[in-house]
Amino acid sequence: MAPIRVLTALDHARTQYYHFKAIIIAGMGLFTDSYDLFCIVPVMKIIGRVYYPSSAGDGGPGVMPPAVVSAIVSVALLGAVVGNLLFGVLGDRVGRGRVYGACLLLLVSSSLASGFSICRTRGCVLSSLCLFRFLLGVGVGGDYPLSATIMSEFANKRTRGGFIAAVFSMQGFGILASSGVTMVVAAAFDRFTGHPAPLDTPEAADIAWRVILMVGAVPAGLTFYWRMAMPETARFTALVQHDVLKATNDIGRVLTDLDLNGLDEDEDAAAIPRTPASFQYAPPASQYGLFSLAFLRQHGRNLFGCASTWFLLDIPYYSSTLFQSQIYRPWFKPASHQNVFREAYDVARFQAIIAVASTIPGYFAAVLLIDRAGRRRLQMAGFFLMAVFLFALAGPYDHYWRGNGKNGWYIVLYGLTFFSANLGPNTTTFILPAELFPARFRSTCHGISAAAGKVGALVGSVGFLWASQARNRGEVQAGYEPGIGMMYALVILGAISLLGLAVTYFFTPETMGRSLEENEGSERGDQDLQDGDGEMTMRLQELNLTPKSPASLVSSHVSSSPIHPHRFSV
């Protein structure tokens, strides 16, 4: 039996305007994700001064306790884990398009609510902020599997990697936007309040951090209409809902230049049986369930590879913020010598420099190379380079780097760790789960992989934050306990990067230049391919056997084709 022609046409479609529109629509969720992740650092500086004022005679500004910092960071990541799993499952059960708008609405509303945070007392503000950031994390987590899956199913196989990488690269612009907004807001409030003294925190500071948080919801909110207007992906409609005609009609409305090679819709209509609505049809044996023996045998290796590499990546990637303060501290005035707005401004400025110099170029390099070098090679190269630069930071840290923070090579090595991560595993771990699994499990498996990554982010951003403290209690930052020291923490992070390289080598297949249906069947044994056409034949047999609802049959058969407008289905 021939392959489904609309899917073949999608695999060979030329790049069209709607592909770029889909990149912007899908990327706005990731834009908001990185905006909220990075703006929270200067925001916590402001909140610390407002709600944790220093005691009389202390001589320093107010600082948020480490336990509170860890709680605010953790709740967002825990929410992301829930969102990864929840919306991943819903994307396969209900449909990608039907929950896509709801995910964005949750993301935008919780981002706005984080700024309001209900009240003005410290306990109430922090409790409500944690609640809304948890909900924000759920929305952010849900956007990962939905955006990656939708983009992979819209794209052609020649440029699919570049399109998904372009969606993910919106994170870089989110970082830059958060820094820019923070700098503008901080400068405006500093001028409006008359440039207050270093230890004088005006009440207006309690408004400044709220404005910074709420502005991040604006770009994502502007794309809400277009996200709701996106049609369901052709692969979900054809392969999960078993409605080839509807898939053809839907995709033809947005991709108007598909070559269906003379697709005869009468032929496809004849392949769909007219089954009475009262007929109860049992799923065929080939419809194995998630985590069944058949699933684990055919896709368990790929799922382990995707989840474990994402987990291993996010430990060093999120831990890179550990020594951020050691880098920018020598270049800016001490916190006790500048007011609340200037401190937030300096932190945001440093983040903008790193974004422009290393983060965004890394994303751009990934977009250019992903469909040339391949996912597997880039992921291994990225892990290797991360390990090299982390070891370069770790080796002489105690003897040289700690006392020479103004050395330019220190900043260069720090920036190269971000560049290497975004060139390789930070981008490829987002792409691969959207390419390796069957359509009916694709969003769920991506959500599982992303959830594993967010668990790694928890380990990196919270666990290593405490573990990296100096072993000598006299050198430990206020509120922390002695740890293993920064040098040993960096060595462990470099070793984790090498472990990610090894896992990629043994468990990650290459998906470049192959259709999604070819990728999902590439690891199967001869027993699964004994019918000749493999999974595609099995799936098309399911299409022939699975009954259609009367409403779907009627709507599909009487609609005119957007690709062949002179034909009508009969």
Protein backbone atom coordinates (compact mmCIF):
# COMPACT_ATOMS: atom_id res chain seq x y z
CA MET A 1 0.00 0.00 0.00
CA ALA A 2 1.33 3.44 -0.92
CA PRO A 3 2.29 5.94 1.80
CA ILE A 4 -0.18 8.65 2.80
CA ARG A 5 0.40 11.23 0.13
CA VAL A 6 -0.33 14.33 2.16
CA LEU A 7 2.44 13.33 4.61
CA THR A 8 4.81 12.62 1.75
CA ALA A 9 3.93 16.02 0.30
CA LEU A 10 4.70 17.65 3.67
CA ASP A 11 8.09 15.93 3.78
CA HIS A 12 8.99 17.34 0.36
CA ALA A 13 7.22 20.72 0.60
CA ARG A 14 9.21 23.82 -0.18
CA THR A 15 9.70 26.40 2.57
CA GLN A 16 6.72 28.74 2.64
CA TYR A 17 5.60 31.86 4.48
CA TYR A 18 3.54 29.86 6.98
CA HIS A 19 6.62 27.98 8.16
CA PHE A 20 8.15 31.26 9.37
CA LYS A 21 4.83 32.36 10.86
CA ALA A 22 4.65 29.07 12.77
CA ILE A 23 8.18 29.65 14.12
CA ILE A 24 7.12 32.98 15.61
CA ILE A 25 3.83 31.62 16.98
CA ALA A 26 5.46 28.56 18.54
CA GLY A 27 8.53 30.45 19.70
CA MET A 28 6.70 33.04 21.78
CA GLY A 29 6.06 30.51 24.54
CA LEU A 30 9.77 29.75 24.77
CA PHE A 31 10.48 33.48 24.59
CA THR A 32 8.35 33.98 27.71
CA ASP A 33 9.98 30.96 29.35
CA SER A 34 13.50 32.40 29.14
CA TYR A 35 12.26 35.91 29.93
CA ASP A 36 10.81 34.79 33.27
CA LEU A 37 13.76 32.50 34.03
CA PHE A 38 16.37 35.23 33.66
CA CYS A 39 14.47 38.29 34.88
CA ILE A 40 13.88 36.59 38.24
CA VAL A 41 17.59 37.07 39.14
CA PRO A 42 17.51 40.90 39.26
CA VAL A 43 13.93 40.76 40.54
CA MET A 44 15.09 38.80 43.59
CA LYS A 45 17.73 41.47 44.19
CA ILE A 46 14.95 44.08 44.36
CA ILE A 47 12.64 41.92 46.50
CA GLY A 48 15.51 41.26 48.91
CA ARG A 49 15.98 44.96 49.49
CA VAL A 50 12.26 45.69 49.80
CA TYR A 51 11.16 42.83 52.05
CA TYR A 52 14.41 41.91 53.84
CA PRO A 53 15.81 45.30 54.89
CA SER A 54 19.17 45.22 56.61
CA SER A 55 19.30 45.75 60.35
CA ALA A 56 20.53 49.01 61.78
CA GLY A 57 24.30 49.28 61.72
CA ASP A 58 24.66 46.30 59.38
CA GLY A 59 26.19 48.48 56.68
CA GLY A 60 24.83 46.41 53.79
CA PRO A 61 21.66 46.21 51.71
CA GLY A 62 18.84 43.76 52.31
CA VAL A 63 19.40 40.31 50.83
CA MET A 64 16.91 37.52 50.21
CA PRO A 65 17.80 34.42 52.30
CA PRO A 66 19.20 31.48 50.30
CA ALA A 67 16.33 29.20 51.36
CA VAL A 68 13.79 31.63 49.92
CA VAL A 69 15.82 31.97 46.71
CA SER A 70 15.88 28.18 46.37
CA ALA A 71 12.12 27.98 46.97
CA ILE A 72 11.30 30.57 44.29
CA VAL A 73 13.57 28.83 41.78
CA SER A 74 12.31 25.36 42.67
CA VAL A 75 8.57 25.99 42.41
CA ALA A 76 8.87 27.21 38.82
CA LEU A 77 10.91 24.15 37.83
CA LEU A 78 8.53 21.78 39.64
CA GLY A 79 5.64 23.44 37.81
CA ALA A 80 7.51 22.88 34.55
CA VAL A 81 7.81 19.15 35.32
CA VAL A 82 4.03 18.98 35.87
CA GLY A 83 3.40 20.97 32.69
CA ASN A 84 5.75 18.79 30.63
CA LEU A 85 3.90 15.63 31.63
CA LEU A 86 0.34 17.01 31.68
CA PHE A 87 0.32 18.87 28.38
CA GLY A 88 2.47 16.21 26.76
CA VAL A 89 -0.23 13.64 27.44
CA LEU A 90 -3.03 16.03 26.47
CA GLY A 91 -1.28 16.81 23.20
CA ASP A 92 -1.55 13.14 22.21
CA ARG A 93 -4.97 12.46 23.71
CA VAL A 94 -6.89 15.64 22.81
CA GLY A 95 -4.80 17.10 20.01
CA ARG A 96 -1.90 19.49 19.77
CA GLY A 97 -3.93 22.43 18.51
CA ARG A 98 -6.80 22.06 20.99
CA VAL A 99 -4.58 22.51 24.07
CA TYR A 100 -2.01 24.84 22.52
CA GLY A 101 -4.03 27.98 23.16
CA ALA A 102 -4.92 26.92 26.70
CA CYS A 103 -1.24 26.44 27.47
CA LEU A 104 -0.39 29.95 26.26
CA LEU A 105 -3.33 31.43 28.18
CA LEU A 106 -2.08 29.81 31.40
CA LEU A 107 1.42 31.08 30.72
CA VAL A 108 0.31 34.68 30.07
CA SER A 109 -2.18 34.90 32.94
CA SER A 110 0.22 33.45 35.53
CA SER A 111 2.98 35.79 34.33
CA LEU A 112 0.69 38.76 34.88
CA ALA A 113 -0.48 37.37 38.24
CA SER A 114 3.14 37.01 39.39
CA GLY A 115 3.48 40.76 39.11
CA PHE A 116 0.35 41.50 41.10
CA SER A 117 1.11 38.96 43.87
CA ILE A 118 -1.99 40.08 45.78
CA CYS A 119 -0.62 41.92 48.85
CA ARG A 120 2.21 43.93 50.41
CA THR A 121 3.31 41.92 53.47
CA ARG A 122 6.41 39.75 53.08
CA GLY A 123 4.85 36.36 53.81
CA CYS A 124 1.83 37.00 51.63
CA VAL A 125 3.85 38.38 48.71
CA LEU A 126 6.33 35.51 48.67
CA SER A 127 3.62 32.86 49.08
CA SER A 128 1.53 34.25 46.24
CA LEU A 129 4.63 34.73 44.09
CA CYS A 130 5.57 31.07 44.58
CA LEU A 131 2.02 29.98 43.73
CA PHE A 132 1.86 32.00 40.53
CA ARG A 133 5.38 30.98 39.49
CA PHE A 134 4.37 27.35 39.94
CA LEU A 135 1.44 27.94 37.58
CA LEU A 136 3.78 29.82 35.26
CA GLY A 137 6.05 26.79 35.30
CA VAL A 138 3.14 24.55 34.34
CA GLY A 139 2.45 26.76 31.32
CA VAL A 140 6.11 26.94 30.37
CA GLY A 141 6.52 23.18 30.75
CA GLY A 142 3.47 22.50 28.62
CA ASP A 143 4.80 24.67 25.83
CA TYR A 144 7.90 22.49 25.34
CA PRO A 145 6.28 19.28 24.00
CA LEU A 146 3.50 21.13 22.14
CA SER A 147 5.74 23.62 20.31
CA ALA A 148 8.37 21.05 19.37
CA THR A 149 5.79 18.50 18.20
CA ILE A 150 3.75 21.00 16.18
CA MET A 151 6.81 22.42 14.44
CA SER A 152 8.20 18.97 13.65
CA GLU A 153 4.89 17.87 12.12
CA PHE A 154 4.52 21.02 10.00
CA ALA A 155 8.08 21.04 8.66
CA ASN A 156 9.60 19.22 5.71
CA LYS A 157 12.28 16.64 6.35
CA ARG A 158 15.04 18.65 4.67
CA THR A 159 14.84 21.69 6.97
CA ARG A 160 12.90 20.25 9.94
CA GLY A 161 15.85 20.51 12.33
CA GLY A 162 16.48 24.14 11.44
CA PHE A 163 12.82 25.05 11.94
CA ILE A 164 12.61 23.43 15.39
CA ALA A 165 15.96 24.97 16.36
CA ALA A 166 14.65 28.37 15.24
CA VAL A 167 11.65 27.94 17.56
CA PHE A 168 13.96 27.08 20.42
CA SER A 169 16.29 30.00 19.61
CA MET A 170 13.53 32.37 20.69
CA GLN A 171 14.83 31.67 24.20
CA GLY A 172 17.90 33.74 23.38
CA PHE A 173 15.77 36.72 22.44
CA GLY A 174 13.72 36.21 25.61
CA ILE A 175 16.93 36.52 27.66
CA LEU A 176 17.87 39.68 25.78
CA ALA A 177 14.37 41.12 26.20
CA SER A 178 14.32 40.42 29.94
CA SER A 179 17.66 42.19 30.33
CA GLY A 180 16.53 45.14 28.21
CA VAL A 181 13.22 45.55 30.05
CA THR A 182 14.93 45.28 33.45
CA MET A 183 17.50 47.91 32.48
CA VAL A 184 14.86 50.30 31.16
CA VAL A 185 12.57 49.88 34.18
CA ALA A 186 15.45 50.17 36.66
CA ALA A 187 16.83 53.30 34.97
CA ALA A 188 13.37 54.89 34.80
CA PHE A 189 12.59 54.25 38.46
CA ASP A 190 16.05 55.37 39.50
CA ARG A 191 15.49 58.70 37.78
CA PHE A 192 11.88 59.00 38.94
CA THR A 193 12.85 58.51 42.61
CA GLY A 194 15.68 61.02 42.40
CA HIS A 195 18.62 58.58 42.47
CA PRO A 196 18.24 57.35 46.06
CA ALA A 197 21.20 56.64 48.33
CA PRO A 198 22.74 53.14 48.26
CA LEU A 199 20.99 51.87 51.39
CA ASP A 200 17.77 53.79 50.83
CA THR A 201 15.10 51.60 49.19
CA PRO A 202 12.05 53.67 48.14
CA GLU A 203 8.54 52.22 48.07
CA ALA A 204 8.54 52.54 44.28
CA ALA A 205 10.93 49.57 44.17
CA ASP A 206 7.99 47.37 45.15
CA ILE A 207 6.33 48.41 41.89
CA ALA A 208 9.43 48.08 39.71
CA TRP A 209 9.86 44.32 40.10
CA ARG A 210 6.17 43.75 39.40
CA VAL A 211 6.38 45.72 36.15
CA ILE A 212 9.39 43.68 35.06
CA LEU A 213 7.55 40.38 35.60
CA MET A 214 4.34 41.47 33.87
CA VAL A 215 5.93 42.89 30.72
CA GLY A 216 7.09 39.37 29.77
CA ALA A 217 3.49 38.32 29.13
CA VAL A 218 2.91 40.92 26.42
CA PRO A 219 4.71 39.33 23.40
CA ALA A 220 3.20 35.89 24.09
CA GLY A 221 -0.26 37.40 24.56
CA LEU A 222 -0.06 39.10 21.17
CA THR A 223 0.26 35.71 19.44
CA PHE A 224 -2.76 34.17 21.20
CA TYR A 225 -5.14 34.71 18.26
CA TRP A 226 -2.78 33.15 15.72
CA ARG A 227 -2.08 30.21 18.00
CA MET A 228 -5.80 29.53 18.34
CA ALA A 229 -6.19 29.83 14.56
CA MET A 230 -3.52 27.21 13.81
CA PRO A 231 -5.02 24.03 12.32
CA GLU A 232 -4.37 20.64 13.82
CA THR A 233 -1.24 19.05 12.40
CA ALA A 234 -1.78 16.74 9.45
CA ARG A 235 0.07 13.90 11.12
CA PHE A 236 -2.13 13.94 14.21
CA THR A 237 -5.30 14.10 12.12
CA ALA A 238 -4.22 11.38 9.69
CA LEU A 239 -2.32 9.00 11.95
CA VAL A 240 -4.06 9.43 15.33
CA GLN A 241 -7.59 10.50 14.35
CA HIS A 242 -7.40 8.43 11.13
CA ASP A 243 -8.93 11.14 8.94
CA VAL A 244 -6.74 11.59 5.87
CA LEU A 245 -9.19 13.81 4.02
CA LYS A 246 -9.51 16.28 6.88
CA ALA A 247 -5.73 16.34 7.25
CA THR A 248 -5.41 17.16 3.55
CA ASN A 249 -8.00 19.93 3.73
CA ASP A 250 -6.58 21.46 6.91
CA ILE A 251 -2.98 21.58 5.78
CA GLY A 252 -3.99 22.87 2.36
CA ARG A 253 -5.41 26.01 3.94
CA VAL A 254 -2.06 27.10 5.36
CA LEU A 255 0.47 25.46 3.01
CA THR A 256 -0.96 26.33 -0.37
CA ASP A 257 1.85 24.99 -2.53
CA LEU A 258 1.85 21.29 -1.68
CA ASP A 259 2.58 18.84 -4.46
CA LEU A 260 0.31 15.89 -3.80
CA ASN A 261 1.44 14.13 -6.96
CA GLY A 262 -2.05 13.88 -8.36
CA LEU A 263 -3.70 12.82 -5.12
CA ASP A 264 -7.06 11.31 -5.93
CA GLU A 265 -9.31 12.08 -3.01
CA ASP A 266 -11.90 9.63 -4.31
CA GLU A 267 -9.31 6.93 -3.82
CA ASP A 268 -8.73 7.99 -0.20
CA ALA A 269 -12.44 8.29 0.46
CA ALA A 270 -12.96 4.77 -0.78
CA ALA A 271 -10.34 3.55 1.66
CA ILE A 272 -12.44 4.70 4.62
CA PRO A 273 -15.20 2.23 5.48
CA ARG A 274 -18.75 3.43 6.03
CA THR A 275 -19.28 1.85 9.42
CA PRO A 276 -22.51 2.33 11.37
CA ALA A 277 -22.09 4.52 14.44
CA SER A 278 -23.35 1.71 16.65
CA PHE A 279 -20.51 -0.57 15.58
CA GLN A 280 -18.00 -1.02 18.40
CA TYR A 281 -14.55 -1.55 17.01
CA ALA A 282 -11.71 -2.91 19.13
CA PRO A 283 -8.27 -1.41 18.46
CA PRO A 284 -5.99 -3.68 16.47
CA ALA A 285 -3.24 -5.56 18.25
CA SER A 286 -0.63 -3.26 16.73
CA GLN A 287 -2.02 -0.35 18.80
CA TYR A 288 0.27 -1.08 21.72
CA GLY A 289 0.12 1.24 24.72
CA LEU A 290 2.65 3.56 26.26
CA PHE A 291 5.23 1.65 28.33
CA SER A 292 3.93 -1.69 27.09
CA LEU A 293 6.50 -4.35 26.25
CA ALA A 294 6.07 -3.57 22.57
CA PHE A 295 6.67 0.15 23.18
CA LEU A 296 9.73 -0.48 25.36
CA ARG A 297 11.14 -2.92 22.84
CA GLN A 298 10.73 -0.51 19.92
CA HIS A 299 11.17 2.90 21.55
CA GLY A 300 12.50 2.39 25.08
CA ARG A 301 16.12 2.87 24.03
CA ASN A 302 15.34 6.17 22.30
CA LEU A 303 13.26 7.42 25.24
CA PHE A 304 16.08 6.62 27.66
CA GLY A 305 18.57 8.40 25.40
CA CYS A 306 16.42 11.53 25.08
CA ALA A 307 15.49 11.77 28.76
CA SER A 308 18.92 10.99 30.18
CA THR A 309 20.85 13.38 27.91
CA TRP A 310 18.39 16.20 28.67
CA PHE A 311 18.76 15.47 32.40
CA LEU A 312 22.55 15.46 32.17
CA LEU A 313 22.63 18.65 30.10
CA ASP A 314 20.49 20.75 32.42
CA ILE A 315 22.64 20.05 35.48
CA PRO A 316 25.69 21.96 34.17
CA TYR A 317 23.60 24.35 32.06
CA TYR A 318 21.54 25.65 34.97
CA SER A 319 24.50 25.43 37.32
CA SER A 320 26.38 27.93 35.17
CA THR A 321 24.60 30.69 37.08
CA LEU A 322 26.49 29.58 40.20
CA PHE A 323 29.63 31.51 39.37
CA GLN A 324 27.88 34.34 37.52
CA SER A 325 28.22 36.62 40.54
CA GLN A 326 31.95 35.88 40.76
CA ILE A 327 32.30 37.09 37.17
CA TYR A 328 30.35 40.33 37.23
CA ARG A 329 31.17 41.30 40.83
CA PRO A 330 34.72 42.61 40.06
CA TRP A 331 33.41 44.71 37.18
CA PHE A 332 30.65 46.57 39.05
CA LYS A 333 30.37 48.49 42.29
CA PRO A 334 29.63 46.48 45.46
CA ALA A 335 25.95 46.27 46.39
CA SER A 336 26.55 48.41 49.45
CA HIS A 337 27.77 51.27 47.22
CA GLN A 338 24.79 51.49 44.85
CA ASN A 339 21.05 51.70 45.22
CA VAL A 340 18.52 48.98 44.47
CA PHE A 341 17.88 50.09 40.90
CA ARG A 342 21.54 50.32 39.92
CA GLU A 343 22.21 46.85 41.34
CA ALA A 344 19.38 45.33 39.28
CA TYR A 345 20.57 47.32 36.26
CA ASP A 346 24.11 45.93 36.50
CA VAL A 347 22.93 42.31 36.84
CA ALA A 348 20.66 42.71 33.79
CA ARG A 349 23.44 44.37 31.79
CA PHE A 350 25.77 41.46 32.44
CA GLN A 351 23.07 39.01 31.32
CA ALA A 352 22.57 41.01 28.12
CA ILE A 353 26.31 40.91 27.36
CA ILE A 354 26.43 37.13 27.78
CA ALA A 355 23.29 36.73 25.65
CA VAL A 356 24.65 38.82 22.77
CA ALA A 357 28.19 37.44 22.93
CA SER A 358 27.54 33.72 23.40
CA THR A 359 23.95 32.56 23.91
CA ILE A 360 22.30 33.93 20.76
CA PRO A 361 25.30 33.14 18.49
CA GLY A 362 25.16 29.57 19.78
CA TYR A 363 21.50 29.29 18.80
CA PHE A 364 22.20 30.77 15.37
CA ALA A 365 25.06 28.32 14.79
CA ALA A 366 22.75 25.45 15.73
CA VAL A 367 20.10 26.62 13.23
CA LEU A 368 22.71 26.76 10.46
CA LEU A 369 24.42 23.44 11.23
CA ILE A 370 21.66 21.17 12.52
CA ASP A 371 20.60 19.96 9.05
CA ARG A 372 24.18 19.78 7.79
CA ALA A 373 26.21 18.21 10.58
CA GLY A 374 23.32 16.29 12.13
CA ARG A 375 21.79 16.17 15.60
CA ARG A 376 24.00 13.43 17.00
CA ARG A 377 27.29 15.04 15.99
CA LEU A 378 26.31 18.46 17.31
CA GLN A 379 25.14 16.97 20.61
CA MET A 380 28.38 15.07 21.13
CA ALA A 381 30.49 18.07 20.10
CA GLY A 382 28.54 20.36 22.44
CA PHE A 383 28.92 18.06 25.44
CA PHE A 384 32.64 17.68 24.73
CA LEU A 385 33.24 21.42 24.45
CA MET A 386 31.23 22.10 27.61
CA ALA A 387 33.45 19.63 29.48
CA VAL A 388 36.62 21.26 28.13
CA PHE A 389 35.60 24.76 29.18
CA LEU A 390 34.28 23.67 32.57
CA PHE A 391 37.55 21.87 33.29
CA ALA A 392 39.45 24.98 32.16
CA LEU A 393 37.49 27.00 34.70
CA ALA A 394 37.84 24.38 37.42
CA GLY A 395 41.54 23.49 37.23
CA PRO A 396 43.07 26.84 38.23
CA TYR A 397 39.97 28.19 40.01
CA ASP A 398 41.27 28.21 43.58
CA HIS A 399 44.81 29.22 42.62
CA TYR A 400 44.08 31.81 39.93
CA TRP A 401 40.53 32.55 38.74
CA ARG A 402 39.09 33.37 42.16
CA GLY A 403 41.56 36.21 42.63
CA ASN A 404 41.65 37.37 39.02
CA GLY A 405 38.02 37.92 38.19
CA LYS A 406 38.85 40.79 35.82
CA ASN A 407 40.92 38.55 33.55
CA GLY A 408 39.26 38.64 30.13
CA TRP A 409 39.82 34.91 29.54
CA TYR A 410 37.64 34.15 32.54
CA ILE A 411 34.64 35.78 30.85
CA VAL A 412 35.54 34.18 27.51
CA LEU A 413 35.57 30.68 28.99
CA TYR A 414 32.31 31.35 30.79
CA GLY A 415 30.69 32.58 27.58
CA LEU A 416 31.99 29.60 25.59
CA THR A 417 30.24 27.16 27.93
CA PHE A 418 26.92 28.81 26.98
CA PHE A 419 27.85 28.89 23.30
CA SER A 420 28.75 25.19 23.32
CA ALA A 421 25.57 24.20 25.13
CA ASN A 422 23.31 26.14 22.76
CA LEU A 423 25.19 24.96 19.68
CA GLY A 424 24.79 21.37 20.79
CA PRO A 425 22.80 19.60 23.50
CA ASN A 426 20.61 22.48 24.69
CA THR A 427 19.13 22.64 21.17
CA THR A 428 19.34 19.00 20.11
CA THR A 429 17.70 17.61 23.25
CA PHE A 430 14.69 19.78 22.36
CA ILE A 431 14.62 18.50 18.76
CA LEU A 432 15.25 14.76 19.02
CA PRO A 433 12.19 13.74 21.11
CA ALA A 434 9.97 15.44 18.52
CA GLU A 435 11.42 13.25 15.75
CA LEU A 436 11.90 9.76 17.16
CA PHE A 437 8.48 8.57 18.36
CA PRO A 438 5.15 7.59 16.73
CA ALA A 439 2.57 10.33 16.27
CA ARG A 440 0.30 8.96 18.99
CA PHE A 441 3.14 9.08 21.56
CA ARG A 442 5.23 11.97 20.22
CA SER A 443 4.04 14.74 22.52
CA THR A 444 3.99 12.48 25.59
CA CYS A 445 7.53 11.22 25.04
CA HIS A 446 8.77 14.75 24.47
CA GLY A 447 7.10 15.78 27.73
CA ILE A 448 8.77 12.91 29.59
CA SER A 449 12.17 13.89 28.20
CA ALA A 450 11.65 17.56 29.03
CA ALA A 451 10.50 16.66 32.56
CA ALA A 452 13.73 14.73 33.08
CA GLY A 453 15.59 17.83 31.96
CA LYS A 454 13.77 20.03 34.48
CA VAL A 455 14.66 17.56 37.25
CA GLY A 456 18.27 18.03 36.18
CA ALA A 457 17.72 21.78 36.29
CA LEU A 458 16.55 21.41 39.90
CA VAL A 459 19.70 19.48 40.76
CA GLY A 460 21.88 22.08 39.05
CA SER A 461 20.28 25.31 40.16
CA VAL A 462 19.41 24.32 43.73
CA GLY A 463 21.56 21.33 44.68
CA PHE A 464 24.82 22.68 43.27
CA LEU A 465 24.01 26.17 44.56
CA TRP A 466 24.46 24.79 48.06
CA ALA A 467 27.13 22.18 47.25
CA SER A 468 29.43 24.74 45.61
CA GLN A 469 29.87 26.77 48.80
CA ALA A 470 33.38 26.99 50.22
CA ARG A 471 34.55 24.25 52.56
CA ASN A 472 35.85 26.81 55.04
CA ARG A 473 32.91 28.14 57.07
CA GLY A 474 34.50 31.57 57.25
CA GLU A 475 34.26 31.92 53.45
CA VAL A 476 30.68 30.65 53.11
CA GLN A 477 28.09 33.16 51.95
CA ALA A 478 25.56 34.26 54.56
CA GLY A 479 22.74 31.77 55.05
CA TYR A 480 24.56 28.80 53.47
CA GLU A 481 26.34 25.79 54.89
CA PRO A 482 29.87 24.70 53.89
CA GLY A 483 30.01 22.66 50.69
CA ILE A 484 32.58 21.01 48.45
CA GLY A 485 33.90 24.28 46.98
CA MET A 486 33.53 25.82 43.54
CA MET A 487 36.54 24.05 42.03
CA TYR A 488 35.25 20.56 42.82
CA ALA A 489 31.72 21.54 41.77
CA LEU A 490 33.05 22.61 38.35
CA VAL A 491 35.01 19.36 38.01
CA ILE A 492 31.85 17.35 38.71
CA LEU A 493 29.91 19.42 36.16
CA GLY A 494 32.60 18.75 33.55
CA ALA A 495 32.42 15.02 34.31
CA ILE A 496 28.63 15.13 33.91
CA SER A 497 29.12 16.69 30.46
CA LEU A 498 31.43 13.82 29.49
CA LEU A 499 28.80 11.36 30.71
CA GLY A 500 26.29 13.13 28.45
CA LEU A 501 28.72 12.63 25.56
CA ALA A 502 28.95 8.90 26.30
CA VAL A 503 25.17 8.46 26.58
CA THR A 504 24.71 10.31 23.27
CA TYR A 505 27.25 8.05 21.55
CA PHE A 506 25.59 4.83 22.70
CA PHE A 507 21.88 5.73 22.77
CA THR A 508 21.15 8.60 20.37
CA PRO A 509 20.36 7.82 16.71
CA GLU A 510 20.64 10.29 13.84
CA THR A 511 17.37 11.70 12.49
CA MET A 512 18.63 14.16 9.89
CA GLY A 513 17.12 13.95 6.41
CA ARG A 514 14.55 11.28 7.33
CA SER A 515 10.79 11.56 7.58
CA LEU A 516 9.20 11.25 11.01
CA GLU A 517 7.73 7.88 10.01
CA GLU A 518 11.16 6.62 8.96
CA ASN A 519 12.70 7.81 12.24
CA GLU A 520 10.16 6.07 14.44
CA GLY A 521 10.78 2.76 12.68
CA SER A 522 14.53 3.00 12.22
CA GLU A 523 15.38 1.03 15.38
CA ARG A 524 13.01 -1.89 14.92
CA GLY A 525 13.97 -5.47 14.40
CA ASP A 526 13.29 -7.68 11.42
CA GLN A 527 10.25 -9.18 13.10
CA ASP A 528 8.53 -5.78 13.06
CA LEU A 529 9.39 -5.27 9.39
CA GLN A 530 8.54 -8.71 8.04
CA ASP A 531 5.54 -7.39 6.09
CA GLY A 532 7.83 -5.35 3.85
CA ASP A 533 6.47 -1.85 4.35
CA GLY A 534 7.05 -1.81 8.12
CA GLU A 535 5.23 0.59 10.36
CA MET A 536 3.82 2.62 7.48
CA THR A 537 2.02 -0.46 6.17
CA MET A 538 0.73 -1.27 9.65
CA ARG A 539 -0.51 2.28 10.15
CA LEU A 540 -2.23 2.40 6.79
CA GLN A 541 -3.95 -0.88 7.58
CA GLU A 542 -5.23 0.76 10.75
CA LEU A 543 -6.54 3.62 8.65
CA ASN A 544 -8.49 1.16 6.52
CA LEU A 545 -9.94 -0.66 9.51
CA THR A 546 -10.69 2.13 11.92
CA PRO A 547 -14.25 3.46 11.66
CA LYS A 548 -14.96 7.12 11.17
CA SER A 549 -17.58 9.12 12.99
CA PRO A 550 -20.55 10.13 10.79
CA ALA A 551 -19.82 13.82 11.39
CA SER A 552 -16.24 13.43 10.26
CA LEU A 553 -17.29 11.50 7.14
CA VAL A 554 -19.84 14.07 6.14
CA SER A 555 -17.61 17.09 6.76
CA SER A 556 -14.74 15.51 4.88
CA HIS A 557 -16.68 14.24 1.88
CA VAL A 558 -18.67 17.33 1.04
CA SER A 559 -15.88 19.89 1.45
CA SER A 560 -13.98 21.11 -1.52
CA SER A 561 -10.25 20.53 -1.56
CA PRO A 562 -8.14 23.63 -0.94
CA ILE A 563 -5.37 22.03 -2.99
CA HIS A 564 -7.59 20.93 -5.91
CA PRO A 565 -10.46 23.43 -5.75
CA HIS A 566 -12.10 22.08 -8.88
CA ARG A 567 -12.63 18.67 -7.27
CA PHE A 568 -15.20 17.61 -4.74
CA SER A 569 -15.03 14.58 -2.49
CA VAL A 570 -17.83 12.10 -3.06
